[in-house]
Amino acid sequence: MKKLLLIIATGLIVACASESEQKSLDRIADIYDAKTSYSKGFNSAAGKETIRNFTAKISESDLIDSLNPNVTSSNIALLVYQGFEEDEKDKYNNIFVQMVNKKGDTADYTYPVPVLKKVAAKSPIFVAFSEGVLKGDGGKIDEIRNTNTIPDPIGEQLMVTITKYKSKYGSLIGYDPFGIAELSDEQGTAYQFQSYLVFSSGKKIPYLVNLDTAPENDKLDGFRFFE
């Protein structure tokens, strides 16, 4: 009787982070005021595809400890993926996120690269909205809105609201995305990008941006600010 010998290899790849990978880790550290590290690994079996993984480890963050780990881990995975150069995006099958809270408890999350690719395709609308708010460009907000869900122009009124925020909290200096969720109801599914507006006084105002998951829908479905 012949015996089939199945060889399975699993290991860590000892390598430095590329410049683009390191930039994404630095961005994550900045957003969450966290300590970040990484590892690269693989597992393979004879006759099968080698699975390569990138792991981002996040620790020592009060913000991480205060937020839903499902939305923060998905955002971290997306930030890592978006930080890759185009040729690097084909290197990995999964991005693992390991989060360690102040108590030392560890939670691990796995995000397949094809899933992240779909979410990343929607990110430009979130960025366009956030940049429009940052630059005071209400016309841009109206340009990207979905007229089925936001039938009337809202850019001008939104800029009035942002001006009120500035009068209370100082100039608007940036935005920090901190979470991503997937929502569903009888009308369909949406990606919800969660972020902070950052003011010169140190004040941060959270806001949400909803985008339909359908690839053909590249418009803004809705948003909300929480002062």
Protein backbone atom coordinates (compact mmCIF):
# COMPACT_ATOMS: atom_id res chain seq x y z
CA MET A 1 0.00 0.00 0.00
CA LYS A 2 1.36 3.37 -0.93
CA LYS A 3 1.38 6.06 1.68
CA LEU A 4 0.72 9.70 0.89
CA LEU A 5 3.05 12.00 2.75
CA LEU A 6 1.53 15.44 3.30
CA ILE A 7 4.06 18.06 4.23
CA ILE A 8 2.71 21.13 5.93
CA ALA A 9 4.96 24.09 6.60
CA THR A 10 4.11 26.96 8.84
CA GLY A 11 6.41 29.74 9.82
CA LEU A 12 7.27 33.34 10.32
CA ILE A 13 9.06 35.30 7.67
CA VAL A 14 11.89 37.30 9.16
CA ALA A 15 11.89 40.54 7.22
CA CYS A 16 11.75 44.26 7.76
CA ALA A 17 8.58 46.16 7.01
CA SER A 18 8.69 47.94 3.66
CA GLU A 19 8.55 51.73 3.69
CA SER A 20 4.86 51.67 2.75
CA GLU A 21 4.06 49.02 5.37
CA GLN A 22 5.85 51.03 8.04
CA LYS A 23 3.96 54.20 7.06
CA SER A 24 0.63 52.43 7.55
CA LEU A 25 1.75 51.16 10.97
CA ASP A 26 2.86 54.68 11.92
CA ARG A 27 -0.53 56.03 10.80
CA ILE A 28 -2.31 53.47 12.97
CA ALA A 29 -0.10 54.36 15.93
CA ASP A 30 -0.95 58.04 15.42
CA ILE A 31 -4.73 57.55 15.13
CA TYR A 32 -5.04 55.27 18.16
CA ASP A 33 -2.11 56.64 20.20
CA ALA A 34 -0.91 53.07 20.33
CA LYS A 35 2.16 50.90 20.18
CA THR A 36 2.30 48.91 16.93
CA SER A 37 4.35 45.98 15.70
CA TYR A 38 4.02 43.45 12.91
CA SER A 39 4.98 40.00 11.71
CA LYS A 40 4.78 38.17 8.41
CA GLY A 41 3.97 34.48 8.19
CA PHE A 42 3.01 31.67 5.87
CA ASN A 43 1.58 28.19 5.85
CA SER A 44 1.68 25.74 3.00
CA ALA A 45 0.96 22.13 2.19
CA ALA A 46 2.40 20.03 -0.60
CA GLY A 47 0.45 20.59 -3.78
CA LYS A 48 -1.50 23.50 -2.36
CA GLU A 49 -1.22 27.26 -2.49
CA THR A 50 1.04 28.91 0.06
CA ILE A 51 -1.02 31.21 2.27
CA ARG A 52 0.82 34.38 3.29
CA ASN A 53 -0.34 36.58 6.12
CA PHE A 54 0.54 40.01 7.51
CA THR A 55 -0.17 40.53 11.22
CA ALA A 56 -0.51 43.97 12.79
CA LYS A 57 -0.33 44.02 16.59
CA ILE A 58 -1.82 47.00 18.43
CA SER A 59 -1.41 47.63 22.14
CA GLU A 60 -1.27 50.27 24.90
CA SER A 61 -4.14 52.36 23.53
CA ASP A 62 -6.87 53.93 25.66
CA LEU A 63 -8.89 54.60 22.51
CA ILE A 64 -8.74 50.97 21.38
CA ASP A 65 -9.89 49.89 24.84
CA SER A 66 -12.90 52.25 24.69
CA LEU A 67 -14.23 51.28 21.25
CA ASN A 68 -15.93 48.24 19.74
CA PRO A 69 -13.06 45.94 18.72
CA ASN A 70 -14.95 44.71 15.67
CA VAL A 71 -15.03 48.16 14.09
CA THR A 72 -11.51 49.16 15.13
CA SER A 73 -9.90 45.91 13.97
CA SER A 74 -11.53 46.18 10.54
CA ASN A 75 -10.32 49.76 10.20
CA ILE A 76 -6.79 48.75 11.20
CA ALA A 77 -6.81 45.97 8.62
CA LEU A 78 -8.01 48.39 5.94
CA LEU A 79 -5.32 50.94 6.85
CA VAL A 80 -2.67 48.23 6.55
CA TYR A 81 -4.05 47.10 3.18
CA GLN A 82 -4.29 50.63 1.82
CA GLY A 83 -0.74 51.28 2.91
CA PHE A 84 0.61 48.52 0.67
CA GLU A 85 2.10 49.37 -2.69
CA GLU A 86 0.15 47.85 -5.59
CA ASP A 87 2.60 44.97 -5.99
CA GLU A 88 2.49 44.31 -2.22
CA LYS A 89 -1.30 43.87 -2.24
CA ASP A 90 -0.86 40.60 -4.13
CA LYS A 91 1.67 39.23 -1.63
CA TYR A 92 -0.76 38.41 1.18
CA ASN A 93 -3.93 36.35 1.49
CA ASN A 94 -4.99 37.65 4.89
CA ILE A 95 -4.34 40.52 7.25
CA PHE A 96 -4.47 39.50 10.89
CA VAL A 97 -5.10 42.10 13.58
CA GLN A 98 -4.07 41.34 17.14
CA MET A 99 -5.23 43.79 19.77
CA VAL A 100 -3.96 43.77 23.35
CA ASN A 101 -5.80 45.87 25.93
CA LYS A 102 -4.34 47.53 29.01
CA LYS A 103 -5.22 44.43 31.08
CA GLY A 104 -3.16 42.23 28.79
CA ASP A 105 -6.16 40.49 27.21
CA THR A 106 -5.65 39.62 23.54
CA ALA A 107 -8.22 39.49 20.73
CA ASP A 108 -7.39 38.24 17.24
CA TYR A 109 -9.22 39.09 14.01
CA THR A 110 -8.77 37.80 10.46
CA TYR A 111 -9.56 39.82 7.31
CA PRO A 112 -9.16 38.16 3.89
CA VAL A 113 -7.56 40.50 1.39
CA PRO A 114 -10.39 40.11 -1.19
CA VAL A 115 -12.85 41.44 1.42
CA LEU A 116 -10.61 44.39 2.22
CA LYS A 117 -10.27 45.11 -1.49
CA LYS A 118 -14.06 45.58 -1.74
CA VAL A 119 -14.14 47.94 1.23
CA ALA A 120 -11.12 49.87 -0.09
CA ALA A 121 -12.99 50.47 -3.36
CA LYS A 122 -15.53 52.51 -1.37
CA SER A 123 -12.98 54.48 0.59
CA PRO A 124 -12.53 57.27 -2.01
CA ILE A 125 -16.10 58.46 -1.36
CA PHE A 126 -15.43 58.63 2.38
CA VAL A 127 -12.20 60.52 1.67
CA ALA A 128 -13.96 62.90 -0.74
CA PHE A 129 -16.62 63.66 1.88
CA SER A 130 -14.05 64.19 4.64
CA GLU A 131 -11.82 66.34 2.44
CA GLY A 132 -14.86 68.37 1.38
CA VAL A 133 -15.66 69.05 5.03
CA LEU A 134 -12.02 69.83 5.83
CA LYS A 135 -11.72 72.30 2.94
CA GLY A 136 -15.16 73.86 3.40
CA ASP A 137 -16.29 72.63 -0.01
CA GLY A 138 -20.04 72.11 0.28
CA GLY A 139 -20.30 71.79 -3.48
CA LYS A 140 -18.18 68.64 -3.35
CA ILE A 141 -20.53 67.11 -0.79
CA ASP A 142 -23.51 67.76 -3.05
CA GLU A 143 -21.62 66.38 -6.03
CA ILE A 144 -21.03 62.98 -4.42
CA ARG A 145 -24.40 62.57 -2.68
CA ASN A 146 -26.83 59.86 -3.73
CA THR A 147 -29.92 61.83 -4.81
CA ASN A 148 -32.12 58.82 -4.01
CA THR A 149 -31.20 58.89 -0.32
CA ILE A 150 -30.27 62.61 -0.06
CA PRO A 151 -32.61 64.28 -2.57
CA ASP A 152 -31.95 67.91 -1.59
CA PRO A 153 -28.59 69.71 -1.62
CA ILE A 154 -27.03 69.69 1.85
CA GLY A 155 -23.54 71.07 1.30
CA GLU A 156 -24.29 74.67 2.21
CA GLN A 157 -26.11 73.79 5.43
CA LEU A 158 -23.36 71.37 6.39
CA MET A 159 -20.76 74.11 6.02
CA VAL A 160 -22.85 76.30 8.37
CA THR A 161 -22.68 73.53 10.96
CA ILE A 162 -18.92 73.13 10.51
CA THR A 163 -18.45 76.90 10.90
CA LYS A 164 -20.27 76.71 14.24
CA TYR A 165 -17.95 73.91 15.34
CA LYS A 166 -14.92 76.02 14.38
CA SER A 167 -16.17 78.98 16.39
CA LYS A 168 -16.33 76.74 19.47
CA TYR A 169 -13.31 74.47 19.00
CA GLY A 170 -10.85 76.30 16.76
CA SER A 171 -9.71 75.56 13.22
CA LEU A 172 -10.39 72.19 11.66
CA ILE A 173 -7.01 70.53 11.17
CA GLY A 174 -7.80 66.99 10.04
CA TYR A 175 -9.79 63.80 10.38
CA ASP A 176 -8.92 60.41 11.87
CA PRO A 177 -10.79 57.31 10.69
CA PHE A 178 -11.16 54.90 13.60
CA GLY A 179 -13.73 52.26 12.61
CA ILE A 180 -15.61 50.44 9.87
CA ALA A 181 -18.84 48.47 10.23
CA GLU A 182 -21.13 46.64 7.83
CA LEU A 183 -24.84 47.40 8.27
CA SER A 184 -27.87 45.67 6.81
CA ASP A 185 -31.61 46.23 6.71
CA GLU A 186 -34.53 45.53 4.39
CA GLN A 187 -33.09 48.01 1.86
CA GLY A 188 -29.70 46.33 1.58
CA THR A 189 -26.21 46.54 3.06
CA ALA A 190 -23.85 49.44 3.64
CA TYR A 191 -20.33 50.10 4.83
CA GLN A 192 -20.19 52.61 7.65
CA PHE A 193 -16.94 54.56 7.90
CA GLN A 194 -16.45 55.98 11.40
CA SER A 195 -14.11 58.92 11.96
CA TYR A 196 -13.26 61.98 14.04
CA LEU A 197 -13.02 65.60 12.97
CA VAL A 198 -9.94 67.00 14.72
CA PHE A 199 -9.85 70.64 15.84
CA SER A 200 -6.91 72.82 16.89
CA SER A 201 -8.18 72.92 20.49
CA GLY A 202 -7.83 69.14 20.70
CA LYS A 203 -11.57 68.58 20.44
CA LYS A 204 -12.64 65.57 18.38
CA ILE A 205 -16.14 65.22 16.96
CA PRO A 206 -17.13 61.75 15.76
CA TYR A 207 -19.01 61.31 12.50
CA LEU A 208 -20.35 58.47 10.37
CA VAL A 209 -20.44 58.07 6.59
CA ASN A 210 -22.65 55.39 5.03
CA LEU A 211 -21.92 53.92 1.60
CA ASP A 212 -23.85 51.25 -0.26
CA THR A 213 -21.82 48.04 -0.67
CA ALA A 214 -22.95 47.60 -4.30
CA PRO A 215 -19.91 48.14 -6.58
CA GLU A 216 -21.95 50.20 -9.04
CA ASN A 217 -23.09 52.69 -6.38
CA ASP A 218 -20.27 55.18 -5.88
CA LYS A 219 -22.25 57.90 -4.10
CA LEU A 220 -22.72 59.09 -0.52
CA ASP A 221 -25.79 57.47 1.06
CA GLY A 222 -25.78 59.34 4.35
CA PHE A 223 -23.76 60.85 7.18
CA ARG A 224 -24.13 62.05 10.75
CA PHE A 225 -22.08 64.14 13.19
CA PHE A 226 -22.16 63.72 16.99
CA GLU A 227 -21.25 66.79 18.99
